[in-house]
Amino acid sequence: MSNLRSDVSDWWTTEIIDMVPGQIRFRGHPIQDLIGNVTFPQMIWLMTRGALPTDAQSKLLECALVAAVDHGPQAPSIATARMAVTCGLGLNGAMASAVNMLDDVHGGAGEQAVELYSWIDDAVQGGQDLAAATAEMIDLWQSKHTKFVPGFGHRFHKPEDPRAPRLLGLVDEAAKNGVVSGRFAEIGRSLQTTLNSRKGKAVPMNIDGATAVIYAELGFAGPLARGLFCLSRSVGVIAHAWEQMEQGGRNKGPTPPAYRWSYKGPNPI
């Protein structure tokens, strides 16, 4: 019986939560000690990283989370949430539908940017000049993945995404105070300079590139950067889904009914 019980209890193993009747501990911290003493960003850090961050680390993480909450109903994830509500889904269904849209193209650039930054950082740590490493890794990225450099360029915000300079300024301040190294901010700026030179025009660092600087500076792995973006964007998702519930509407598609798609198939003879 004891072996069977062990087989069952060891089916899942975790270092995240310990729970028995009357007791809940996260990473060894009793829940009653965390409630009222730990902020939500600190809790995110504790759960994903295993220890509590410093106040300064937590504040920088919070800045990244705040910056990425929403980008309007034209964003596929937000549009999906609003359409889902008009089809009868509740908030949980709308949120799930929206988060499922946050994949490699819409939502994955932050993770990809952390990966690219890490390539450049590894080259620099190995003794290569930053500008040369940046140029080489851009070429490598484009040969292995896509011509689009993650974290740079924006359809709407030209010549500058207003979120990026603010976030980089906060990283600079944190670096000055010894909270982070500042080297990923340098990498981000080096990418910006190289891309501007190659294109002959401004290629703005976007929200993914700026938050990726923060996540890399704070030591988050690339996949966690995507997860953190999903957490952040979920705030905008729930806000838009709730607003749509209050506005009403049934079966709203991506365009008003009077507008039709372009049909290019055969017609009856």
C-alpha atoms as a PDB file:
ATOM      1  CA  MET A   1       0.000   0.000   0.000  1.00  0.00           C
ATOM      2  CA  SER A   2       2.839   2.418   0.864  1.00  0.00           C
ATOM      3  CA  ASN A   3       4.523   1.761  -2.476  1.00  0.00           C
ATOM      4  CA  LEU A   4       1.241   2.356  -4.297  1.00  0.00           C
ATOM      5  CA  ARG A   5       0.663   5.602  -2.393  1.00  0.00           C
ATOM      6  CA  SER A   6       4.198   6.742  -3.284  1.00  0.00           C
ATOM      7  CA  ASP A   7       3.642   5.861  -6.939  1.00  0.00           C
ATOM      8  CA  VAL A   8       0.546   8.052  -6.953  1.00  0.00           C
ATOM      9  CA  SER A   9       1.974  10.990  -4.990  1.00  0.00           C
ATOM     10  CA  ASP A  10       5.182  11.000  -7.043  1.00  0.00           C
ATOM     11  CA  TRP A  11       3.292  10.976 -10.351  1.00  0.00           C
ATOM     12  CA  TRP A  12       3.628  14.768 -10.268  1.00  0.00           C
ATOM     13  CA  THR A  13       6.529  16.379  -8.428  1.00  0.00           C
ATOM     14  CA  THR A  14       6.889  20.106  -7.819  1.00  0.00           C
ATOM     15  CA  GLU A  15       8.995  22.596  -5.925  1.00  0.00           C
ATOM     16  CA  ILE A  16       6.359  25.288  -6.383  1.00  0.00           C
ATOM     17  CA  ILE A  17       3.590  24.476  -3.900  1.00  0.00           C
ATOM     18  CA  ASP A  18       3.237  22.409  -0.752  1.00  0.00           C
ATOM     19  CA  MET A  19      -0.334  22.014   0.403  1.00  0.00           C
ATOM     20  CA  VAL A  20      -2.101  19.995   3.088  1.00  0.00           C
ATOM     21  CA  PRO A  21      -5.372  20.763   4.892  1.00  0.00           C
ATOM     22  CA  GLY A  22      -4.958  24.123   6.611  1.00  0.00           C
ATOM     23  CA  GLN A  23      -1.564  24.859   5.048  1.00  0.00           C
ATOM     24  CA  ILE A  24      -0.451  26.390   1.744  1.00  0.00           C
ATOM     25  CA  ARG A  25       3.180  27.213   1.003  1.00  0.00           C
ATOM     26  CA  PHE A  26       4.579  28.703  -2.202  1.00  0.00           C
ATOM     27  CA  ARG A  27       8.290  27.997  -2.649  1.00  0.00           C
ATOM     28  CA  GLY A  28       8.434  27.443   1.117  1.00  0.00           C
ATOM     29  CA  HIS A  29       6.644  30.684   2.018  1.00  0.00           C
ATOM     30  CA  PRO A  30       3.351  30.330   3.933  1.00  0.00           C
ATOM     31  CA  ILE A  31       0.587  32.014   1.957  1.00  0.00           C
ATOM     32  CA  GLN A  32      -0.499  34.066   4.962  1.00  0.00           C
ATOM     33  CA  ASP A  33       2.982  35.621   5.087  1.00  0.00           C
ATOM     34  CA  LEU A  34       2.839  36.557   1.397  1.00  0.00           C
ATOM     35  CA  ILE A  35      -0.648  38.072   1.424  1.00  0.00           C
ATOM     36  CA  GLY A  36      -0.367  41.788   2.115  1.00  0.00           C
ATOM     37  CA  ASN A  37       3.422  41.745   1.973  1.00  0.00           C
ATOM     38  CA  VAL A  38       4.196  40.696  -1.599  1.00  0.00           C
ATOM     39  CA  THR A  39       3.135  42.467  -4.800  1.00  0.00           C
ATOM     40  CA  PHE A  40       1.810  40.633  -7.829  1.00  0.00           C
ATOM     41  CA  PRO A  41       5.077  41.134  -9.812  1.00  0.00           C
ATOM     42  CA  GLN A  42       7.002  39.774  -6.838  1.00  0.00           C
ATOM     43  CA  MET A  43       4.673  36.783  -6.753  1.00  0.00           C
ATOM     44  CA  ILE A  44       5.206  36.164 -10.463  1.00  0.00           C
ATOM     45  CA  TRP A  45       8.962  36.215  -9.877  1.00  0.00           C
ATOM     46  CA  LEU A  46       8.718  33.903  -6.866  1.00  0.00           C
ATOM     47  CA  MET A  47       6.581  31.367  -8.707  1.00  0.00           C
ATOM     48  CA  THR A  48       8.639  31.307 -11.907  1.00  0.00           C
ATOM     49  CA  ARG A  49      12.130  31.815 -10.499  1.00  0.00           C
ATOM     50  CA  GLY A  50      12.012  30.186  -7.063  1.00  0.00           C
ATOM     51  CA  ALA A  51      12.946  33.161  -4.877  1.00  0.00           C
ATOM     52  CA  LEU A  52      11.647  36.634  -4.125  1.00  0.00           C
ATOM     53  CA  PRO A  53      13.199  39.508  -6.088  1.00  0.00           C
ATOM     54  CA  THR A  54      14.495  42.725  -4.608  1.00  0.00           C
ATOM     55  CA  ASP A  55      12.109  45.663  -4.629  1.00  0.00           C
ATOM     56  CA  ALA A  56      14.096  47.271  -7.461  1.00  0.00           C
ATOM     57  CA  GLN A  57      13.989  44.116  -9.579  1.00  0.00           C
ATOM     58  CA  SER A  58      10.271  43.787  -8.966  1.00  0.00           C
ATOM     59  CA  LYS A  59       9.616  47.401  -9.974  1.00  0.00           C
ATOM     60  CA  LEU A  60      11.512  46.972 -13.242  1.00  0.00           C
ATOM     61  CA  LEU A  61       9.565  43.800 -14.019  1.00  0.00           C
ATOM     62  CA  GLU A  62       6.339  45.642 -13.252  1.00  0.00           C
ATOM     63  CA  CYS A  63       7.263  48.372 -15.740  1.00  0.00           C
ATOM     64  CA  ALA A  64       7.550  45.798 -18.533  1.00  0.00           C
ATOM     65  CA  LEU A  65       4.244  44.204 -17.564  1.00  0.00           C
ATOM     66  CA  VAL A  66       2.428  47.548 -17.473  1.00  0.00           C
ATOM     67  CA  ALA A  67       3.814  48.658 -20.844  1.00  0.00           C
ATOM     68  CA  ALA A  68       2.444  45.705 -22.819  1.00  0.00           C
ATOM     69  CA  VAL A  69      -1.119  45.370 -21.520  1.00  0.00           C
ATOM     70  CA  ASP A  70      -2.933  46.493 -24.672  1.00  0.00           C
ATOM     71  CA  HIS A  71      -2.579  47.742 -28.230  1.00  0.00           C
ATOM     72  CA  GLY A  72      -6.138  48.254 -29.352  1.00  0.00           C
ATOM     73  CA  PRO A  73      -8.968  46.269 -30.982  1.00  0.00           C
ATOM     74  CA  GLN A  74      -7.002  45.898 -34.223  1.00  0.00           C
ATOM     75  CA  ALA A  75      -4.569  43.554 -32.456  1.00  0.00           C
ATOM     76  CA  PRO A  76      -5.632  39.995 -33.417  1.00  0.00           C
ATOM     77  CA  SER A  77      -5.722  38.767 -29.817  1.00  0.00           C
ATOM     78  CA  ILE A  78      -7.918  41.657 -28.639  1.00  0.00           C
ATOM     79  CA  ALA A  79     -10.182  41.393 -31.694  1.00  0.00           C
ATOM     80  CA  THR A  80     -10.567  37.693 -31.005  1.00  0.00           C
ATOM     81  CA  ALA A  81     -11.646  38.327 -27.425  1.00  0.00           C
ATOM     82  CA  ARG A  82     -14.253  40.867 -28.492  1.00  0.00           C
ATOM     83  CA  MET A  83     -15.617  38.631 -31.263  1.00  0.00           C
ATOM     84  CA  ALA A  84     -15.717  35.690 -28.850  1.00  0.00           C
ATOM     85  CA  VAL A  85     -17.882  37.656 -26.445  1.00  0.00           C
ATOM     86  CA  THR A  86     -20.372  38.507 -29.196  1.00  0.00           C
ATOM     87  CA  CYS A  87     -20.576  34.784 -29.941  1.00  0.00           C
ATOM     88  CA  GLY A  88     -21.691  34.106 -26.384  1.00  0.00           C
ATOM     89  CA  LEU A  89     -18.431  33.200 -24.642  1.00  0.00           C
ATOM     90  CA  GLY A  90     -17.815  34.309 -21.085  1.00  0.00           C
ATOM     91  CA  LEU A  91     -14.696  36.094 -19.883  1.00  0.00           C
ATOM     92  CA  ASN A  92     -12.759  32.873 -19.389  1.00  0.00           C
ATOM     93  CA  GLY A  93     -13.537  31.701 -22.921  1.00  0.00           C
ATOM     94  CA  ALA A  94     -12.705  35.081 -24.402  1.00  0.00           C
ATOM     95  CA  MET A  95      -9.399  35.204 -22.541  1.00  0.00           C
ATOM     96  CA  ALA A  96      -8.473  31.671 -23.559  1.00  0.00           C
ATOM     97  CA  SER A  97      -9.304  32.388 -27.200  1.00  0.00           C
ATOM     98  CA  ALA A  98      -7.178  35.547 -27.149  1.00  0.00           C
ATOM     99  CA  VAL A  99      -4.152  34.017 -25.420  1.00  0.00           C
ATOM    100  CA  ASN A 100      -4.166  31.178 -27.944  1.00  0.00           C
ATOM    101  CA  MET A 101      -3.516  33.826 -30.618  1.00  0.00           C
ATOM    102  CA  LEU A 102      -0.241  34.850 -28.953  1.00  0.00           C
ATOM    103  CA  ASP A 103       2.091  32.578 -30.870  1.00  0.00           C
ATOM    104  CA  ASP A 104       5.258  33.073 -32.914  1.00  0.00           C
ATOM    105  CA  VAL A 105       4.056  35.948 -35.124  1.00  0.00           C
ATOM    106  CA  HIS A 106       1.669  37.804 -32.794  1.00  0.00           C
ATOM    107  CA  GLY A 107       3.121  37.480 -29.304  1.00  0.00           C
ATOM    108  CA  GLY A 108       6.362  35.574 -29.806  1.00  0.00           C
ATOM    109  CA  ALA A 109       8.721  38.408 -30.744  1.00  0.00           C
ATOM    110  CA  GLY A 110       9.717  39.068 -27.136  1.00  0.00           C
ATOM    111  CA  GLU A 111      10.943  35.514 -26.678  1.00  0.00           C
ATOM    112  CA  GLN A 112      12.732  35.693 -30.023  1.00  0.00           C
ATOM    113  CA  ALA A 113      14.336  39.031 -29.133  1.00  0.00           C
ATOM    114  CA  VAL A 114      15.699  37.604 -25.880  1.00  0.00           C
ATOM    115  CA  GLU A 115      17.222  34.773 -27.928  1.00  0.00           C
ATOM    116  CA  LEU A 116      18.832  37.191 -30.390  1.00  0.00           C
ATOM    117  CA  TYR A 117      20.115  39.424 -27.589  1.00  0.00           C
ATOM    118  CA  SER A 118      21.637  36.331 -25.962  1.00  0.00           C
ATOM    119  CA  TRP A 119      23.436  35.399 -29.175  1.00  0.00           C
ATOM    120  CA  ILE A 120      24.979  38.844 -29.324  1.00  0.00           C
ATOM    121  CA  ASP A 121      25.809  38.819 -25.619  1.00  0.00           C
ATOM    122  CA  ASP A 122      27.553  35.449 -25.916  1.00  0.00           C
ATOM    123  CA  ALA A 123      29.647  36.770 -28.803  1.00  0.00           C
ATOM    124  CA  VAL A 124      30.588  39.913 -26.875  1.00  0.00           C
ATOM    125  CA  GLN A 125      31.407  37.941 -23.738  1.00  0.00           C
ATOM    126  CA  GLY A 126      33.645  35.844 -25.957  1.00  0.00           C
ATOM    127  CA  GLY A 127      35.619  38.926 -26.890  1.00  0.00           C
ATOM    128  CA  GLN A 128      33.926  40.115 -30.073  1.00  0.00           C
ATOM    129  CA  ASP A 129      33.260  43.803 -30.694  1.00  0.00           C
ATOM    130  CA  LEU A 130      29.610  44.732 -30.026  1.00  0.00           C
ATOM    131  CA  ALA A 131      28.980  46.325 -33.419  1.00  0.00           C
ATOM    132  CA  ALA A 132      30.546  43.407 -35.271  1.00  0.00           C
ATOM    133  CA  ALA A 133      28.687  40.855 -33.155  1.00  0.00           C
ATOM    134  CA  THR A 134      25.413  42.672 -33.762  1.00  0.00           C
ATOM    135  CA  ALA A 135      25.857  42.682 -37.538  1.00  0.00           C
ATOM    136  CA  GLU A 136      26.893  39.037 -37.604  1.00  0.00           C
ATOM    137  CA  MET A 137      23.998  37.856 -35.448  1.00  0.00           C
ATOM    138  CA  ILE A 138      21.453  39.804 -37.478  1.00  0.00           C
ATOM    139  CA  ASP A 139      22.722  37.997 -40.576  1.00  0.00           C
ATOM    140  CA  LEU A 140      22.633  34.662 -38.751  1.00  0.00           C
ATOM    141  CA  TRP A 141      19.099  35.279 -37.490  1.00  0.00           C
ATOM    142  CA  GLN A 142      17.845  36.187 -40.953  1.00  0.00           C
ATOM    143  CA  SER A 143      19.488  33.139 -42.512  1.00  0.00           C
ATOM    144  CA  LYS A 144      18.112  30.738 -39.886  1.00  0.00           C
ATOM    145  CA  HIS A 145      14.702  32.250 -39.221  1.00  0.00           C
ATOM    146  CA  THR A 146      13.166  35.194 -41.048  1.00  0.00           C
ATOM    147  CA  LYS A 147      14.114  38.556 -42.509  1.00  0.00           C
ATOM    148  CA  PHE A 148      12.153  40.207 -39.700  1.00  0.00           C
ATOM    149  CA  VAL A 149      14.418  41.061 -36.765  1.00  0.00           C
ATOM    150  CA  PRO A 150      12.377  40.449 -33.602  1.00  0.00           C
ATOM    151  CA  GLY A 151      11.707  43.468 -31.447  1.00  0.00           C
ATOM    152  CA  PHE A 152      12.191  46.070 -34.179  1.00  0.00           C
ATOM    153  CA  GLY A 153       9.903  47.783 -36.668  1.00  0.00           C
ATOM    154  CA  HIS A 154       6.298  48.822 -36.171  1.00  0.00           C
ATOM    155  CA  ARG A 155       3.361  49.261 -38.514  1.00  0.00           C
ATOM    156  CA  PHE A 156       1.871  52.179 -36.594  1.00  0.00           C
ATOM    157  CA  HIS A 157       4.544  53.822 -34.476  1.00  0.00           C
ATOM    158  CA  LYS A 158       6.975  55.652 -36.730  1.00  0.00           C
ATOM    159  CA  PRO A 159       9.634  56.835 -36.276  1.00  0.00           C
ATOM    160  CA  GLU A 160       9.404  55.729 -32.638  1.00  0.00           C
ATOM    161  CA  ASP A 161       7.342  53.453 -30.422  1.00  0.00           C
ATOM    162  CA  PRO A 162       6.690  55.682 -27.381  1.00  0.00           C
ATOM    163  CA  ARG A 163       7.019  52.762 -24.992  1.00  0.00           C
ATOM    164  CA  ALA A 164      10.592  51.809 -25.917  1.00  0.00           C
ATOM    165  CA  PRO A 165      12.506  54.957 -24.886  1.00  0.00           C
ATOM    166  CA  ARG A 166      10.710  55.059 -21.548  1.00  0.00           C
ATOM    167  CA  LEU A 167      11.526  51.420 -20.787  1.00  0.00           C
ATOM    168  CA  LEU A 168      15.151  51.805 -21.881  1.00  0.00           C
ATOM    169  CA  GLY A 169      15.455  54.881 -19.677  1.00  0.00           C
ATOM    170  CA  LEU A 170      14.239  52.854 -16.716  1.00  0.00           C
ATOM    171  CA  VAL A 171      16.805  50.155 -17.508  1.00  0.00           C
ATOM    172  CA  ASP A 172      19.529  52.812 -17.649  1.00  0.00           C
ATOM    173  CA  GLU A 173      18.436  54.066 -14.234  1.00  0.00           C
ATOM    174  CA  ALA A 174      18.416  50.518 -12.844  1.00  0.00           C
ATOM    175  CA  ALA A 175      21.888  49.889 -14.275  1.00  0.00           C
ATOM    176  CA  LYS A 176      23.173  53.099 -12.710  1.00  0.00           C
ATOM    177  CA  ASN A 177      21.893  51.852  -9.343  1.00  0.00           C
ATOM    178  CA  GLY A 178      23.451  48.405  -9.786  1.00  0.00           C
ATOM    179  CA  VAL A 179      20.139  46.575 -10.168  1.00  0.00           C
ATOM    180  CA  VAL A 180      21.002  45.218 -13.637  1.00  0.00           C
ATOM    181  CA  SER A 181      24.134  45.164 -15.776  1.00  0.00           C
ATOM    182  CA  GLY A 182      22.848  47.368 -18.589  1.00  0.00           C
ATOM    183  CA  ARG A 183      24.549  45.270 -21.234  1.00  0.00           C
ATOM    184  CA  PHE A 184      21.315  44.134 -22.870  1.00  0.00           C
ATOM    185  CA  ALA A 185      20.218  47.743 -23.184  1.00  0.00           C
ATOM    186  CA  GLU A 186      23.494  48.354 -25.018  1.00  0.00           C
ATOM    187  CA  ILE A 187      22.749  45.368 -27.258  1.00  0.00           C
ATOM    188  CA  GLY A 188      19.268  46.693 -27.997  1.00  0.00           C
ATOM    189  CA  ARG A 189      20.658  50.082 -28.939  1.00  0.00           C
ATOM    190  CA  SER A 190      23.343  48.460 -31.074  1.00  0.00           C
ATOM    191  CA  LEU A 191      20.673  46.556 -32.958  1.00  0.00           C
ATOM    192  CA  GLN A 192      18.742  49.789 -33.431  1.00  0.00           C
ATOM    193  CA  THR A 193      21.808  51.579 -34.830  1.00  0.00           C
ATOM    194  CA  THR A 194      22.696  48.727 -37.180  1.00  0.00           C
ATOM    195  CA  LEU A 195      19.161  48.336 -38.515  1.00  0.00           C
ATOM    196  CA  ASN A 196      18.758  52.085 -39.030  1.00  0.00           C
ATOM    197  CA  SER A 197      22.019  52.141 -40.982  1.00  0.00           C
ATOM    198  CA  ARG A 198      21.088  49.173 -43.150  1.00  0.00           C
ATOM    199  CA  LYS A 199      17.601  50.447 -43.921  1.00  0.00           C
ATOM    200  CA  GLY A 200      18.593  54.070 -44.314  1.00  0.00           C
ATOM    201  CA  LYS A 201      15.693  55.069 -42.073  1.00  0.00           C
ATOM    202  CA  ALA A 202      14.457  54.593 -38.528  1.00  0.00           C
ATOM    203  CA  VAL A 203      13.491  51.022 -37.640  1.00  0.00           C
ATOM    204  CA  PRO A 204      11.954  51.626 -34.219  1.00  0.00           C
ATOM    205  CA  MET A 205      12.490  49.297 -31.321  1.00  0.00           C
ATOM    206  CA  ASN A 206       8.987  48.118 -30.468  1.00  0.00           C
ATOM    207  CA  ILE A 207       7.375  46.942 -27.250  1.00  0.00           C
ATOM    208  CA  ASP A 208       8.700  43.403 -27.731  1.00  0.00           C
ATOM    209  CA  GLY A 209      12.257  44.616 -28.152  1.00  0.00           C
ATOM    210  CA  ALA A 210      12.051  46.929 -25.143  1.00  0.00           C
ATOM    211  CA  THR A 211      10.448  44.433 -22.768  1.00  0.00           C
ATOM    212  CA  ALA A 212      12.913  41.803 -23.994  1.00  0.00           C
ATOM    213  CA  VAL A 213      15.731  44.089 -22.823  1.00  0.00           C
ATOM    214  CA  ILE A 214      14.174  44.143 -19.355  1.00  0.00           C
ATOM    215  CA  TYR A 215      13.501  40.411 -19.239  1.00  0.00           C
ATOM    216  CA  ALA A 216      17.050  39.644 -20.391  1.00  0.00           C
ATOM    217  CA  GLU A 217      18.511  42.123 -17.895  1.00  0.00           C
ATOM    218  CA  LEU A 218      16.508  40.464 -15.110  1.00  0.00           C
ATOM    219  CA  GLY A 219      17.611  36.966 -16.137  1.00  0.00           C
ATOM    220  CA  PHE A 220      14.332  35.573 -17.459  1.00  0.00           C
ATOM    221  CA  ALA A 221      14.642  32.818 -20.053  1.00  0.00           C
ATOM    222  CA  GLY A 222      13.245  33.490 -23.518  1.00  0.00           C
ATOM    223  CA  PRO A 223      10.181  31.229 -23.176  1.00  0.00           C
ATOM    224  CA  LEU A 224       9.292  32.973 -19.918  1.00  0.00           C
ATOM    225  CA  ALA A 225       9.425  36.300 -21.781  1.00  0.00           C
ATOM    226  CA  ARG A 226       6.595  35.056 -23.970  1.00  0.00           C
ATOM    227  CA  GLY A 227       4.687  33.818 -20.940  1.00  0.00           C
ATOM    228  CA  LEU A 228       5.102  37.164 -19.224  1.00  0.00           C
ATOM    229  CA  PHE A 229       3.816  38.928 -22.331  1.00  0.00           C
ATOM    230  CA  CYS A 230       0.742  36.664 -22.231  1.00  0.00           C
ATOM    231  CA  LEU A 231       0.176  37.632 -18.593  1.00  0.00           C
ATOM    232  CA  SER A 232       0.531  41.312 -19.422  1.00  0.00           C
ATOM    233  CA  ARG A 233      -1.674  41.273 -22.519  1.00  0.00           C
ATOM    234  CA  SER A 234      -4.331  39.339 -20.588  1.00  0.00           C
ATOM    235  CA  VAL A 235      -5.085  42.577 -18.748  1.00  0.00           C
ATOM    236  CA  GLY A 236      -6.046  44.261 -22.014  1.00  0.00           C
ATOM    237  CA  VAL A 237      -7.912  41.159 -23.111  1.00  0.00           C
ATOM    238  CA  ILE A 238     -10.147  41.043 -20.050  1.00  0.00           C
ATOM    239  CA  ALA A 239     -10.761  44.809 -20.264  1.00  0.00           C
ATOM    240  CA  HIS A 240     -11.860  44.628 -23.906  1.00  0.00           C
ATOM    241  CA  ALA A 241     -13.912  41.475 -23.362  1.00  0.00           C
ATOM    242  CA  TRP A 242     -15.726  43.080 -20.442  1.00  0.00           C
ATOM    243  CA  GLU A 243     -16.297  46.290 -22.375  1.00  0.00           C
ATOM    244  CA  GLN A 244     -17.774  44.297 -25.252  1.00  0.00           C
ATOM    245  CA  MET A 245     -20.073  42.494 -22.827  1.00  0.00           C
ATOM    246  CA  GLU A 246     -21.344  45.862 -21.624  1.00  0.00           C
ATOM    247  CA  GLN A 247     -21.740  47.193 -25.191  1.00  0.00           C
ATOM    248  CA  GLY A 248     -23.596  44.096 -26.369  1.00  0.00           C
ATOM    249  CA  GLY A 249     -23.673  42.885 -29.964  1.00  0.00           C
ATOM    250  CA  ARG A 250     -24.153  39.454 -31.503  1.00  0.00           C
ATOM    251  CA  ASN A 251     -21.921  37.487 -33.845  1.00  0.00           C
ATOM    252  CA  LYS A 252     -19.684  40.403 -34.749  1.00  0.00           C
ATOM    253  CA  GLY A 253     -17.140  39.431 -37.358  1.00  0.00           C
ATOM    254  CA  PRO A 254     -13.870  41.186 -38.198  1.00  0.00           C
ATOM    255  CA  THR A 255     -15.601  43.742 -40.473  1.00  0.00           C
ATOM    256  CA  PRO A 256     -19.081  45.352 -40.618  1.00  0.00           C
ATOM    257  CA  PRO A 257     -21.673  43.271 -42.545  1.00  0.00           C
ATOM    258  CA  ALA A 258     -21.849  45.777 -45.381  1.00  0.00           C
ATOM    259  CA  TYR A 259     -18.234  45.055 -46.252  1.00  0.00           C
ATOM    260  CA  ARG A 260     -17.466  41.909 -48.204  1.00  0.00           C
ATOM    261  CA  TRP A 261     -14.309  39.962 -48.784  1.00  0.00           C
ATOM    262  CA  SER A 262     -12.648  39.714 -52.180  1.00  0.00           C
ATOM    263  CA  TYR A 263     -13.767  36.563 -53.966  1.00  0.00           C
ATOM    264  CA  LYS A 264     -11.282  35.323 -56.569  1.00  0.00           C
ATOM    265  CA  GLY A 265     -12.618  31.853 -57.258  1.00  0.00           C
ATOM    266  CA  PRO A 266     -14.598  30.569 -60.265  1.00  0.00           C
ATOM    267  CA  ASN A 267     -18.123  31.762 -61.040  1.00  0.00           C
ATOM    268  CA  PRO A 268     -20.967  29.746 -62.563  1.00  0.00           C
ATOM    269  CA  ILE A 269     -21.078  29.809 -66.359  1.00  0.00           C
END
